[in-house]
PDB file of N, CA and C in Angstrom:
ATOM      1  N   MET A   1     113.742 106.842  88.474  1.00  0.00           N
ATOM      2  CA  MET A   1     112.307 106.686  88.414  1.00  0.00           C
ATOM      3  C   MET A   1     111.730 106.943  89.802  1.00  0.00           C
ATOM      4  N   THR A   2     110.575 107.551  89.863  1.00  0.00           N
ATOM      5  CA  THR A   2     109.920 107.849  91.128  1.00  0.00           C
ATOM      6  C   THR A   2     108.866 106.786  91.399  1.00  0.00           C
ATOM      7  N   TYR A   3     108.855 106.306  92.632  1.00  0.00           N
ATOM      8  CA  TYR A   3     107.883 105.289  93.027  1.00  0.00           C
ATOM      9  C   TYR A   3     106.943 105.846  94.077  1.00  0.00           C
ATOM     10  N   GLU A   4     105.696 105.382  94.036  1.00  0.00           N
ATOM     11  CA  GLU A   4     104.766 105.705  95.107  1.00  0.00           C
ATOM     12  C   GLU A   4     105.160 104.877  96.311  1.00  0.00           C
ATOM     13  N   VAL A   5     105.133 105.493  97.474  1.00  0.00           N
ATOM     14  CA  VAL A   5     105.423 104.738  98.683  1.00  0.00           C
ATOM     15  C   VAL A   5     104.123 104.272  99.293  1.00  0.00           C
ATOM     16  N   LEU A   6     104.238 103.281 100.108  1.00  0.00           N
ATOM     17  CA  LEU A   6     103.059 102.643 100.671  1.00  0.00           C
ATOM     18  C   LEU A   6     102.633 103.348 101.936  1.00  0.00           C
ATOM     19  N   ASP A   7     101.425 103.858 101.940  1.00  0.00           N
ATOM     20  CA  ASP A   7     100.831 104.425 103.145  1.00  0.00           C
ATOM     21  C   ASP A   7      99.970 103.331 103.747  1.00  0.00           C
ATOM     22  N   THR A   8     100.462 102.732 104.814  1.00  0.00           N
ATOM     23  CA  THR A   8      99.772 101.571 105.382  1.00  0.00           C
ATOM     24  C   THR A   8      98.405 101.942 105.937  1.00  0.00           C
ATOM     25  N   ARG A   9      98.138 103.226 106.130  1.00  0.00           N
ATOM     26  CA  ARG A   9      96.833 103.648 106.636  1.00  0.00           C
ATOM     27  C   ARG A   9      95.809 103.756 105.521  1.00  0.00           C
ATOM     28  N   ALA A  10      96.270 103.853 104.298  1.00  0.00           N
ATOM     29  CA  ALA A  10      95.354 104.033 103.173  1.00  0.00           C
ATOM     30  C   ALA A  10      94.586 102.746 102.895  1.00  0.00           C
ATOM     31  N   LYS A  11      93.339 102.905 102.494  1.00  0.00           N
ATOM     32  CA  LYS A  11      92.538 101.737 102.115  1.00  0.00           C
ATOM     33  C   LYS A  11      92.914 101.327 100.706  1.00  0.00           C
ATOM     34  N   MET A  12      93.195 100.070 100.539  1.00  0.00           N
ATOM     35  CA  MET A  12      93.613  99.555  99.237  1.00  0.00           C
ATOM     36  C   MET A  12      92.555  98.594  98.707  1.00  0.00           C
ATOM     37  N   GLU A  13      91.305  99.032  98.727  1.00  0.00           N
ATOM     38  CA  GLU A  13      90.203  98.169  98.311  1.00  0.00           C
ATOM     39  C   GLU A  13      90.286  97.786  96.844  1.00  0.00           C
ATOM     40  N   TRP A  14      90.992  98.581  96.062  1.00  0.00           N
ATOM     41  CA  TRP A  14      91.104  98.310  94.633  1.00  0.00           C
ATOM     42  C   TRP A  14      92.040  97.138  94.353  1.00  0.00           C
ATOM     43  N   LEU A  15      92.859  96.756  95.350  1.00  0.00           N
ATOM     44  CA  LEU A  15      93.774  95.620  95.156  1.00  0.00           C
ATOM     45  C   LEU A  15      92.988  94.318  95.032  1.00  0.00           C
ATOM     46  N   PRO A  16      93.488  93.387  94.255  1.00  0.00           N
ATOM     47  CA  PRO A  16      92.834  92.077  94.185  1.00  0.00           C
ATOM     48  C   PRO A  16      92.758  91.447  95.575  1.00  0.00           C
ATOM     49  N   THR A  17      91.709  90.703  95.821  1.00  0.00           N
ATOM     50  CA  THR A  17      91.496  90.049  97.114  1.00  0.00           C
ATOM     51  C   THR A  17      92.700  89.210  97.515  1.00  0.00           C
ATOM     52  N   GLU A  18      93.315  88.537  96.552  1.00  0.00           N
ATOM     53  CA  GLU A  18      94.468  87.693  96.847  1.00  0.00           C
ATOM     54  C   GLU A  18      95.613  88.493  97.462  1.00  0.00           C
ATOM     55  N   VAL A  19      95.784  89.728  97.021  1.00  0.00           N
ATOM     56  CA  VAL A  19      96.844  90.586  97.561  1.00  0.00           C
ATOM     57  C   VAL A  19      96.462  91.058  98.970  1.00  0.00           C
ATOM     58  N   GLN A  20      95.216  91.403  99.152  1.00  0.00           N
ATOM     59  CA  GLN A  20      94.749  91.880 100.456  1.00  0.00           C
ATOM     60  C   GLN A  20      94.893  90.816 101.544  1.00  0.00           C
ATOM     61  N   ARG A  21      94.873  89.557 101.167  1.00  0.00           N
ATOM     62  CA  ARG A  21      94.914  88.458 102.141  1.00  0.00           C
ATOM     63  C   ARG A  21      96.330  87.969 102.467  1.00  0.00           C
ATOM     64  N   LEU A  22      97.336  88.552 101.849  1.00  0.00           N
ATOM     65  CA  LEU A  22      98.713  88.102 102.079  1.00  0.00           C
ATOM     66  C   LEU A  22      99.200  88.470 103.479  1.00  0.00           C
ATOM     67  N   ALA A  23     100.218  87.739 103.921  1.00  0.00           N
ATOM     68  CA  ALA A  23     100.902  88.090 105.170  1.00  0.00           C
ATOM     69  C   ALA A  23     101.460  89.513 105.017  1.00  0.00           C
ATOM     70  N   PRO A  24     101.658  90.223 106.131  1.00  0.00           N
ATOM     71  CA  PRO A  24     102.023  91.647 106.050  1.00  0.00           C
ATOM     72  C   PRO A  24     103.214  91.975 105.142  1.00  0.00           C
ATOM     73  N   ARG A  25     104.334  91.299 105.269  1.00  0.00           N
ATOM     74  CA  ARG A  25     105.515  91.674 104.485  1.00  0.00           C
ATOM     75  C   ARG A  25     105.327  91.323 103.015  1.00  0.00           C
ATOM     76  N   GLU A  26     104.764  90.142 102.717  1.00  0.00           N
ATOM     77  CA  GLU A  26     104.480  89.799 101.315  1.00  0.00           C
ATOM     78  C   GLU A  26     103.459  90.775 100.744  1.00  0.00           C
ATOM     79  N   GLY A  27     102.472  91.124 101.544  1.00  0.00           N
ATOM     80  CA  GLY A  27     101.460  92.085 101.106  1.00  0.00           C
ATOM     81  C   GLY A  27     102.056  93.441 100.791  1.00  0.00           C
ATOM     82  N   GLN A  28     103.037  93.853 101.579  1.00  0.00           N
ATOM     83  CA  GLN A  28     103.709  95.128 101.337  1.00  0.00           C
ATOM     84  C   GLN A  28     104.426  95.117  99.987  1.00  0.00           C
ATOM     85  N   LEU A  29     105.164  94.043  99.713  1.00  0.00           N
ATOM     86  CA  LEU A  29     105.870  93.945  98.431  1.00  0.00           C
ATOM     87  C   LEU A  29     104.887  93.921  97.260  1.00  0.00           C
ATOM     88  N   ALA A  30     103.855  93.086  97.375  1.00  0.00           N
ATOM     89  CA  ALA A  30     102.869  92.976  96.294  1.00  0.00           C
ATOM     90  C   ALA A  30     102.168  94.315  96.069  1.00  0.00           C
ATOM     91  N   THR A  31     101.800  94.999  97.142  1.00  0.00           N
ATOM     92  CA  THR A  31     101.113  96.279  97.008  1.00  0.00           C
ATOM     93  C   THR A  31     101.997  97.305  96.325  1.00  0.00           C
ATOM     94  N   LEU A  32     103.273  97.332  96.663  1.00  0.00           N
ATOM     95  CA  LEU A  32     104.192  98.260  95.991  1.00  0.00           C
ATOM     96  C   LEU A  32     104.258  97.978  94.493  1.00  0.00           C
ATOM     97  N   ILE A  33     104.277  96.706  94.127  1.00  0.00           N
ATOM     98  CA  ILE A  33     104.303  96.342  92.700  1.00  0.00           C
ATOM     99  C   ILE A  33     102.999  96.750  92.028  1.00  0.00           C
ATOM    100  N   TYR A  34     101.867  96.527  92.690  1.00  0.00           N
ATOM    101  CA  TYR A  34     100.583  96.893  92.105  1.00  0.00           C
ATOM    102  C   TYR A  34     100.415  98.416  92.028  1.00  0.00           C
ATOM    103  N   LEU A  35     101.013  99.150  92.966  1.00  0.00           N
ATOM    104  CA  LEU A  35     100.959 100.617  92.931  1.00  0.00           C
ATOM    105  C   LEU A  35     101.842 101.202  91.841  1.00  0.00           C
ATOM    106  N   ASN A  36     103.034 100.648  91.682  1.00  0.00           N
ATOM    107  CA  ASN A  36     104.062 101.257  90.840  1.00  0.00           C
ATOM    108  C   ASN A  36     104.299 100.566  89.518  1.00  0.00           C
ATOM    109  N   GLY A  37     103.768  99.375  89.331  1.00  0.00           N
ATOM    110  CA  GLY A  37     104.055  98.635  88.117  1.00  0.00           C
ATOM    111  C   GLY A  37     105.348  97.850  88.270  1.00  0.00           C
ATOM    112  N   PRO A  38     105.887  97.367  87.162  1.00  0.00           N
ATOM    113  CA  PRO A  38     107.058  96.493  87.215  1.00  0.00           C
ATOM    114  C   PRO A  38     108.230  97.093  87.996  1.00  0.00           C
ATOM    115  N   MET A  39     108.841  96.242  88.831  1.00  0.00           N
ATOM    116  CA  MET A  39     109.966  96.660  89.666  1.00  0.00           C
ATOM    117  C   MET A  39     110.952  95.509  89.805  1.00  0.00           C
ATOM    118  N   THR A  40     112.201  95.847  90.078  1.00  0.00           N
ATOM    119  CA  THR A  40     113.205  94.831  90.377  1.00  0.00           C
ATOM    120  C   THR A  40     113.230  94.579  91.878  1.00  0.00           C
ATOM    121  N   ALA A  41     113.893  93.505  92.281  1.00  0.00           N
ATOM    122  CA  ALA A  41     114.047  93.210  93.709  1.00  0.00           C
ATOM    123  C   ALA A  41     114.787  94.344  94.405  1.00  0.00           C
ATOM    124  N   LYS A  42     115.772  94.917  93.744  1.00  0.00           N
ATOM    125  CA  LYS A  42     116.543  96.018  94.330  1.00  0.00           C
ATOM    126  C   LYS A  42     115.669  97.251  94.516  1.00  0.00           C
ATOM    127  N   ASP A  43     114.808  97.560  93.534  1.00  0.00           N
ATOM    128  CA  ASP A  43     113.875  98.686  93.671  1.00  0.00           C
ATOM    129  C   ASP A  43     113.036  98.517  94.937  1.00  0.00           C
ATOM    130  N   LEU A  44     112.531  97.309  95.118  1.00  0.00           N
ATOM    131  CA  LEU A  44     111.686  97.025  96.278  1.00  0.00           C
ATOM    132  C   LEU A  44     112.480  97.086  97.574  1.00  0.00           C
ATOM    133  N   GLN A  45     113.685  96.541  97.559  1.00  0.00           N
ATOM    134  CA  GLN A  45     114.501  96.493  98.764  1.00  0.00           C
ATOM    135  C   GLN A  45     114.766  97.894  99.301  1.00  0.00           C
ATOM    136  N   VAL A  46     114.992  98.834  98.400  1.00  0.00           N
ATOM    137  CA  VAL A  46     115.239 100.217  98.814  1.00  0.00           C
ATOM    138  C   VAL A  46     114.029 100.774  99.568  1.00  0.00           C
ATOM    139  N   LEU A  47     112.838 100.377  99.140  1.00  0.00           N
ATOM    140  CA  LEU A  47     111.615 100.893  99.753  1.00  0.00           C
ATOM    141  C   LEU A  47     111.228 100.178 101.040  1.00  0.00           C
ATOM    142  N   VAL A  48     111.709  98.958 101.231  1.00  0.00           N
ATOM    143  CA  VAL A  48     111.293  98.179 102.412  1.00  0.00           C
ATOM    144  C   VAL A  48     112.454  97.834 103.333  1.00  0.00           C
ATOM    145  N   SER A  49     113.570  98.550 103.209  1.00  0.00           N
ATOM    146  CA  SER A  49     114.687  98.241 104.091  1.00  0.00           C
ATOM    147  C   SER A  49     114.183  98.312 105.528  1.00  0.00           C
ATOM    148  N   PRO A  50     114.668  97.527 106.419  1.00  0.00           N
ATOM    149  CA  PRO A  50     115.979  96.920 106.481  1.00  0.00           C
ATOM    150  C   PRO A  50     116.073  95.512 105.899  1.00  0.00           C
ATOM    151  N   LEU A  51     115.123  95.082 105.083  1.00  0.00           N
ATOM    152  CA  LEU A  51     115.234  93.757 104.473  1.00  0.00           C
ATOM    153  C   LEU A  51     116.392  93.719 103.486  1.00  0.00           C
ATOM    154  N   SER A  52     117.066  92.582 103.419  1.00  0.00           N
ATOM    155  CA  SER A  52     118.133  92.407 102.432  1.00  0.00           C
ATOM    156  C   SER A  52     117.513  92.108 101.068  1.00  0.00           C
ATOM    157  N   VAL A  53     118.284  92.305 100.023  1.00  0.00           N
ATOM    158  CA  VAL A  53     117.808  91.975  98.672  1.00  0.00           C
ATOM    159  C   VAL A  53     117.488  90.488  98.596  1.00  0.00           C
ATOM    160  N   SER A  54     118.285  89.661  99.258  1.00  0.00           N
ATOM    161  CA  SER A  54     118.061  88.218  99.263  1.00  0.00           C
ATOM    162  C   SER A  54     116.704  87.877  99.884  1.00  0.00           C
ATOM    163  N   ALA A  55     116.360  88.517 100.983  1.00  0.00           N
ATOM    164  CA  ALA A  55     115.063  88.277 101.625  1.00  0.00           C
ATOM    165  C   ALA A  55     113.919  88.729 100.725  1.00  0.00           C
ATOM    166  N   VAL A  56     114.102  89.856 100.059  1.00  0.00           N
ATOM    167  CA  VAL A  56     113.080  90.353  99.129  1.00  0.00           C
ATOM    168  C   VAL A  56     112.901  89.362  97.981  1.00  0.00           C
ATOM    169  N   ARG A  57     114.000  88.842  97.433  1.00  0.00           N
ATOM    170  CA  ARG A  57     113.915  87.854  96.339  1.00  0.00           C
ATOM    171  C   ARG A  57     113.169  86.603  96.783  1.00  0.00           C
ATOM    172  N   THR A  58     113.450  86.147  97.994  1.00  0.00           N
ATOM    173  CA  THR A  58     112.766  84.956  98.508  1.00  0.00           C
ATOM    174  C   THR A  58     111.258  85.189  98.571  1.00  0.00           C
ATOM    175  N   MET A  59     110.854  86.344  99.084  1.00  0.00           N
ATOM    176  CA  MET A  59     109.423  86.653  99.153  1.00  0.00           C
ATOM    177  C   MET A  59     108.824  86.814  97.756  1.00  0.00           C
ATOM    178  N   LEU A  60     109.579  87.398  96.836  1.00  0.00           N
ATOM    179  CA  LEU A  60     109.087  87.535  95.462  1.00  0.00           C
ATOM    180  C   LEU A  60     108.909  86.166  94.811  1.00  0.00           C
ATOM    181  N   ASP A  61     109.820  85.248  95.081  1.00  0.00           N
ATOM    182  CA  ASP A  61     109.669  83.882  94.554  1.00  0.00           C
ATOM    183  C   ASP A  61     108.377  83.253  95.069  1.00  0.00           C
ATOM    184  N   ARG A  62     108.057  83.498  96.346  1.00  0.00           N
ATOM    185  CA  ARG A  62     106.796  82.979  96.909  1.00  0.00           C
ATOM    186  C   ARG A  62     105.593  83.622  96.235  1.00  0.00           C
ATOM    187  N   LEU A  63     105.676  84.927  95.972  1.00  0.00           N
ATOM    188  CA  LEU A  63     104.566  85.614  95.308  1.00  0.00           C
ATOM    189  C   LEU A  63     104.387  85.128  93.867  1.00  0.00           C
ATOM    190  N   VAL A  64     105.476  84.782  93.207  1.00  0.00           N
ATOM    191  CA  VAL A  64     105.387  84.206  91.858  1.00  0.00           C
ATOM    192  C   VAL A  64     104.702  82.841  91.938  1.00  0.00           C
ATOM    193  N   ALA A  65     105.110  82.025  92.907  1.00  0.00           N
ATOM    194  CA  ALA A  65     104.515  80.690  93.076  1.00  0.00           C
ATOM    195  C   ALA A  65     103.019  80.784  93.381  1.00  0.00           C
ATOM    196  N   LYS A  66     102.613  81.829  94.083  1.00  0.00           N
ATOM    197  CA  LYS A  66     101.195  82.041  94.416  1.00  0.00           C
ATOM    198  C   LYS A  66     100.433  82.721  93.282  1.00  0.00           C
ATOM    199  N   ARG A  67     101.146  83.077  92.206  1.00  0.00           N
ATOM    200  CA  ARG A  67     100.574  83.746  91.030  1.00  0.00           C
ATOM    201  C   ARG A  67      99.999  85.124  91.355  1.00  0.00           C
ATOM    202  N   ILE A  68     100.623  85.800  92.321  1.00  0.00           N
ATOM    203  CA  ILE A  68     100.252  87.166  92.666  1.00  0.00           C
ATOM    204  C   ILE A  68     101.025  88.139  91.785  1.00  0.00           C
ATOM    205  N   VAL A  69     102.311  87.840  91.559  1.00  0.00           N
ATOM    206  CA  VAL A  69     103.140  88.625  90.646  1.00  0.00           C
ATOM    207  C   VAL A  69     103.724  87.681  89.609  1.00  0.00           C
ATOM    208  N   LYS A  70     104.149  88.256  88.498  1.00  0.00           N
ATOM    209  CA  LYS A  70     104.829  87.459  87.476  1.00  0.00           C
ATOM    210  C   LYS A  70     106.240  87.995  87.310  1.00  0.00           C
ATOM    211  N   ARG A  71     107.105  87.118  86.891  1.00  0.00           N
ATOM    212  CA  ARG A  71     108.516  87.451  86.747  1.00  0.00           C
ATOM    213  C   ARG A  71     108.855  87.488  85.263  1.00  0.00           C
ATOM    214  N   ARG A  72     109.582  88.537  84.854  1.00  0.00           N
ATOM    215  CA  ARG A  72     110.049  88.609  83.478  1.00  0.00           C
ATOM    216  C   ARG A  72     111.518  88.973  83.504  1.00  0.00           C
ATOM    217  N   GLY A  73     112.159  88.628  82.458  1.00  0.00           N
ATOM    218  CA  GLY A  73     113.564  88.979  82.359  1.00  0.00           C
ATOM    219  C   GLY A  73     114.302  87.961  81.539  1.00  0.00           C
ATOM    220  N   GLY A  74     115.546  88.263  81.314  1.00  0.00           N
ATOM    221  CA  GLY A  74     116.380  87.433  80.462  1.00  0.00           C
ATOM    222  C   GLY A  74     116.689  86.067  81.017  1.00  0.00           C
ATOM    223  N   ASP A  75     117.846  85.932  81.583  1.00  0.00           N
ATOM    224  CA  ASP A  75     118.407  84.622  81.891  1.00  0.00           C
ATOM    225  C   ASP A  75     118.292  84.229  83.369  1.00  0.00           C
ATOM    226  N   HIS A  76     117.317  84.708  84.060  1.00  0.00           N
ATOM    227  CA  HIS A  76     117.131  84.449  85.496  1.00  0.00           C
ATOM    228  C   HIS A  76     118.273  84.972  86.351  1.00  0.00           C
ATOM    229  N   SER A  77     119.087  85.855  85.796  1.00  0.00           N
ATOM    230  CA  SER A  77     120.033  86.587  86.623  1.00  0.00           C
ATOM    231  C   SER A  77     119.175  87.561  87.423  1.00  0.00           C
ATOM    232  N   TYR A  78     119.303  87.526  88.739  1.00  0.00           N
ATOM    233  CA  TYR A  78     118.404  88.326  89.571  1.00  0.00           C
ATOM    234  C   TYR A  78     118.461  89.817  89.243  1.00  0.00           C
ATOM    235  N   ARG A  79     119.577  90.289  88.730  1.00  0.00           N
ATOM    236  CA  ARG A  79     119.671  91.707  88.397  1.00  0.00           C
ATOM    237  C   ARG A  79     118.780  92.074  87.221  1.00  0.00           C
ATOM    238  N   GLN A  80     118.474  91.117  86.367  1.00  0.00           N
ATOM    239  CA  GLN A  80     117.676  91.399  85.183  1.00  0.00           C
ATOM    240  C   GLN A  80     116.199  91.058  85.368  1.00  0.00           C
ATOM    241  N   LEU A  81     115.838  90.439  86.464  1.00  0.00           N
ATOM    242  CA  LEU A  81     114.451  90.045  86.665  1.00  0.00           C
ATOM    243  C   LEU A  81     113.592  91.221  87.082  1.00  0.00           C
ATOM    244  N   ILE A  82     112.419  91.288  86.487  1.00  0.00           N
ATOM    245  CA  ILE A  82     111.455  92.333  86.799  1.00  0.00           C
ATOM    246  C   ILE A  82     110.171  91.637  87.236  1.00  0.00           C
ATOM    247  N   TYR A  83     109.571  92.165  88.287  1.00  0.00           N
ATOM    248  CA  TYR A  83     108.349  91.599  88.850  1.00  0.00           C
ATOM    249  C   TYR A  83     107.201  92.561  88.573  1.00  0.00           C
ATOM    250  N   ALA A  84     106.093  92.010  88.085  1.00  0.00           N
ATOM    251  CA  ALA A  84     104.939  92.815  87.689  1.00  0.00           C
ATOM    252  C   ALA A  84     103.663  92.177  88.222  1.00  0.00           C
ATOM    253  N   PRO A  85     102.586  92.959  88.298  1.00  0.00           N
ATOM    254  CA  PRO A  85     101.307  92.390  88.742  1.00  0.00           C
ATOM    255  C   PRO A  85     100.868  91.245  87.833  1.00  0.00           C
ATOM    256  N   ALA A  86     100.345  90.190  88.437  1.00  0.00           N
ATOM    257  CA  ALA A  86      99.853  89.057  87.651  1.00  0.00           C
ATOM    258  C   ALA A  86      98.331  89.079  87.535  1.00  0.00           C
ATOM    259  N   ILE A  87      97.672  89.837  88.398  1.00  0.00           N
ATOM    260  CA  ILE A  87      96.205  89.911  88.404  1.00  0.00           C
ATOM    261  C   ILE A  87      95.826  91.331  88.012  1.00  0.00           C
ATOM    262  N   MET A  88      95.099  91.460  86.934  1.00  0.00           N
ATOM    263  CA  MET A  88      94.748  92.797  86.459  1.00  0.00           C
ATOM    264  C   MET A  88      93.244  93.034  86.578  1.00  0.00           C
ATOM    265  N   ASN A  89      92.874  94.115  87.244  1.00  0.00           N
ATOM    266  CA  ASN A  89      91.482  94.541  87.252  1.00  0.00           C
ATOM    267  C   ASN A  89      91.420  95.952  86.684  1.00  0.00           C
ATOM    268  N   GLY A  90      90.257  96.522  86.591  1.00  0.00           N
ATOM    269  CA  GLY A  90      90.099  97.832  85.958  1.00  0.00           C
ATOM    270  C   GLY A  90      90.911  98.926  86.618  1.00  0.00           C
ATOM    271  N   GLU A  91      90.925  98.989  87.942  1.00  0.00           N
ATOM    272  CA  GLU A  91      91.667 100.032  88.643  1.00  0.00           C
ATOM    273  C   GLU A  91      93.164  99.903  88.410  1.00  0.00           C
ATOM    274  N   ILE A  92      93.659  98.685  88.395  1.00  0.00           N
ATOM    275  CA  ILE A  92      95.085  98.470  88.151  1.00  0.00           C
ATOM    276  C   ILE A  92      95.451  98.925  86.742  1.00  0.00           C
ATOM    277  N   LYS A  93      94.591  98.639  85.779  1.00  0.00           N
ATOM    278  CA  LYS A  93      94.839  99.071  84.402  1.00  0.00           C
ATOM    279  C   LYS A  93      94.838 100.596  84.310  1.00  0.00           C
ATOM    280  N   ARG A  94      93.911 101.260  84.996  1.00  0.00           N
ATOM    281  CA  ARG A  94      93.869 102.724  84.981  1.00  0.00           C
ATOM    282  C   ARG A  94      95.148 103.309  85.590  1.00  0.00           C
ATOM    283  N   ARG A  95      95.584 102.737  86.707  1.00  0.00           N
ATOM    284  CA  ARG A  95      96.814 103.219  87.349  1.00  0.00           C
ATOM    285  C   ARG A  95      98.022 103.020  86.432  1.00  0.00           C
ATOM    286  N   ALA A  96      98.062 101.881  85.736  1.00  0.00           N
ATOM    287  CA  ALA A  96      99.181 101.617  84.832  1.00  0.00           C
ATOM    288  C   ALA A  96      99.206 102.636  83.687  1.00  0.00           C
ATOM    289  N   LEU A  97      98.034 102.964  83.142  1.00  0.00           N
ATOM    290  CA  LEU A  97      97.986 103.962  82.068  1.00  0.00           C
ATOM    291  C   LEU A  97      98.386 105.345  82.570  1.00  0.00           C
ATOM    292  N   LYS A  98      97.973 105.696  83.784  1.00  0.00           N
ATOM    293  CA  LYS A  98      98.370 106.985  84.352  1.00  0.00           C
ATOM    294  C   LYS A  98      99.881 107.031  84.569  1.00  0.00           C
ATOM    295  N   GLN A  99     100.453 105.925  85.005  1.00  0.00           N
ATOM    296  CA  GLN A  99     101.904 105.894  85.208  1.00  0.00           C
ATOM    297  C   GLN A  99     102.629 105.995  83.866  1.00  0.00           C
ATOM    298  N   LEU A 100     102.119 105.316  82.853  1.00  0.00           N
ATOM    299  CA  LEU A 100     102.695 105.414  81.510  1.00  0.00           C
ATOM    300  C   LEU A 100     102.661 106.864  81.027  1.00  0.00           C
ATOM    301  N   ALA A 101     101.520 107.514  81.218  1.00  0.00           N
ATOM    302  CA  ALA A 101     101.395 108.918  80.817  1.00  0.00           C
ATOM    303  C   ALA A 101     102.378 109.791  81.591  1.00  0.00           C
ATOM    304  N   ARG A 102     102.498 109.565  82.875  1.00  0.00           N
ATOM    305  CA  ARG A 102     103.407 110.352  83.714  1.00  0.00           C
ATOM    306  C   ARG A 102     104.862 110.166  83.292  1.00  0.00           C
ATOM    307  N   ASN A 103     105.243 108.911  83.043  1.00  0.00           N
ATOM    308  CA  ASN A 103     106.645 108.599  82.750  1.00  0.00           C
ATOM    309  C   ASN A 103     107.083 108.971  81.339  1.00  0.00           C
ATOM    310  N   TYR A 104     106.179 108.897  80.364  1.00  0.00           N
ATOM    311  CA  TYR A 104     106.599 109.057  78.968  1.00  0.00           C
ATOM    312  C   TYR A 104     105.894 110.170  78.198  1.00  0.00           C
ATOM    313  N   PHE A 105     104.803 110.707  78.739  1.00  0.00           N
ATOM    314  CA  PHE A 105     104.029 111.699  78.000  1.00  0.00           C
ATOM    315  C   PHE A 105     103.742 112.945  78.828  1.00  0.00           C
ATOM    316  N   GLY A 106     104.620 113.236  79.773  1.00  0.00           N
ATOM    317  CA  GLY A 106     104.461 114.439  80.585  1.00  0.00           C
ATOM    318  C   GLY A 106     103.159 114.496  81.352  1.00  0.00           C
ATOM    319  N   GLY A 107     102.581 113.352  81.637  1.00  0.00           N
ATOM    320  CA  GLY A 107     101.325 113.294  82.388  1.00  0.00           C
ATOM    321  C   GLY A 107     100.082 113.429  81.530  1.00  0.00           C
ATOM    322  N   SER A 108     100.233 113.600  80.235  1.00  0.00           N
ATOM    323  CA  SER A 108      99.092 113.819  79.351  1.00  0.00           C
ATOM    324  C   SER A 108      98.445 112.495  78.936  1.00  0.00           C
ATOM    325  N   LEU A 109      97.234 112.256  79.444  1.00  0.00           N
ATOM    326  CA  LEU A 109      96.492 111.060  79.029  1.00  0.00           C
ATOM    327  C   LEU A 109      96.059 111.180  77.569  1.00  0.00           C
ATOM    328  N   ALA A 110      95.758 112.404  77.128  1.00  0.00           N
ATOM    329  CA  ALA A 110      95.339 112.608  75.736  1.00  0.00           C
ATOM    330  C   ALA A 110      96.476 112.231  74.774  1.00  0.00           C
ATOM    331  N   GLU A 111      97.698 112.643  75.099  1.00  0.00           N
ATOM    332  CA  GLU A 111      98.845 112.308  74.243  1.00  0.00           C
ATOM    333  C   GLU A 111      99.117 110.806  74.279  1.00  0.00           C
ATOM    334  N   THR A 112      98.953 110.209  75.440  1.00  0.00           N
ATOM    335  CA  THR A 112      99.128 108.758  75.566  1.00  0.00           C
ATOM    336  C   THR A 112      98.107 108.038  74.685  1.00  0.00           C
ATOM    337  N   ALA A 113      96.846 108.466  74.769  1.00  0.00           N
ATOM    338  CA  ALA A 113      95.775 107.837  73.982  1.00  0.00           C
ATOM    339  C   ALA A 113      96.014 108.028  72.487  1.00  0.00           C
ATOM    340  N   ALA A 114      96.469 109.218  72.100  1.00  0.00           N
ATOM    341  CA  ALA A 114      96.728 109.484  70.681  1.00  0.00           C
ATOM    342  C   ALA A 114      97.834 108.574  70.153  1.00  0.00           C
ATOM    343  N   THR A 115      98.878 108.396  70.955  1.00  0.00           N
ATOM    344  CA  THR A 115      99.981 107.525  70.545  1.00  0.00           C
ATOM    345  C   THR A 115      99.508 106.085  70.419  1.00  0.00           C
ATOM    346  N   LEU A 116      98.725 105.626  71.387  1.00  0.00           N
ATOM    347  CA  LEU A 116      98.194 104.260  71.318  1.00  0.00           C
ATOM    348  C   LEU A 116      97.291 104.092  70.102  1.00  0.00           C
ATOM    349  N   SER A 117      96.479 105.090  69.814  1.00  0.00           N
ATOM    350  CA  SER A 117      95.600 105.039  68.651  1.00  0.00           C
ATOM    351  C   SER A 117      96.400 104.938  67.360  1.00  0.00           C
ATOM    352  N   GLN A 118      97.485 105.737  67.260  1.00  0.00           N
ATOM    353  CA  GLN A 118      98.345 105.676  66.071  1.00  0.00           C
ATOM    354  C   GLN A 118      98.982 104.300  65.935  1.00  0.00           C
ATOM    355  N   MET A 119      99.387 103.730  67.050  1.00  0.00           N
ATOM    356  CA  MET A 119      99.988 102.400  67.012  1.00  0.00           C
ATOM    357  C   MET A 119      99.005 101.369  66.513  1.00  0.00           C
ATOM    358  N   ILE A 120      97.757 101.487  66.946  1.00  0.00           N
ATOM    359  CA  ILE A 120      96.720 100.535  66.524  1.00  0.00           C
ATOM    360  C   ILE A 120      96.450 100.701  65.022  1.00  0.00           C
ATOM    361  N   GLU A 121      96.355 101.949  64.550  1.00  0.00           N
ATOM    362  CA  GLU A 121      96.093 102.223  63.136  1.00  0.00           C
ATOM    363  C   GLU A 121      97.187 101.649  62.246  1.00  0.00           C
ATOM    364  N   HIS A 122      98.454 101.813  62.648  1.00  0.00           N
ATOM    365  CA  HIS A 122      99.571 101.329  61.836  1.00  0.00           C
ATOM    366  C   HIS A 122      99.669  99.815  61.867  1.00  0.00           C
ATOM    367  N   ARG A 123      99.143  99.222  62.873  1.00  0.00           N
ATOM    368  CA  ARG A 123      99.191  97.767  63.018  1.00  0.00           C
ATOM    369  C   ARG A 123      98.152  97.084  62.135  1.00  0.00           C
ATOM    370  N   ALA A 124      97.028  97.750  61.933  1.00  0.00           N
ATOM    371  CA  ALA A 124      95.905  97.155  61.189  1.00  0.00           C
ATOM    372  C   ALA A 124      96.200  96.953  59.739  1.00  0.00           C
TER     373      ALA A 124
END
């Protein structure tokens, strides 16, 4: 999977205020999650090395406690845990849909929308 990398010079005004106010390293992890969607601690560690996976997990636990990110996964085995944005605004939702289109529909928002529409119709 391809991840967007963090350009620290870029303005991230679309991020929730809570993310913008974090300490630099926690802010970096949270911003990567908000840019890319759900990620594992290992995914993040690769992008923010030289931090160890253990250090990344510790910071992610703090972000979960602050309700900046949410944790999902099976049995709390760190390998299975996935961290996702906990605060959703319009821009974050748009980015998530664009990533969904890129990853599963060849970048086509129209095909993504058509599939979602079919899912809604069959559900009703």
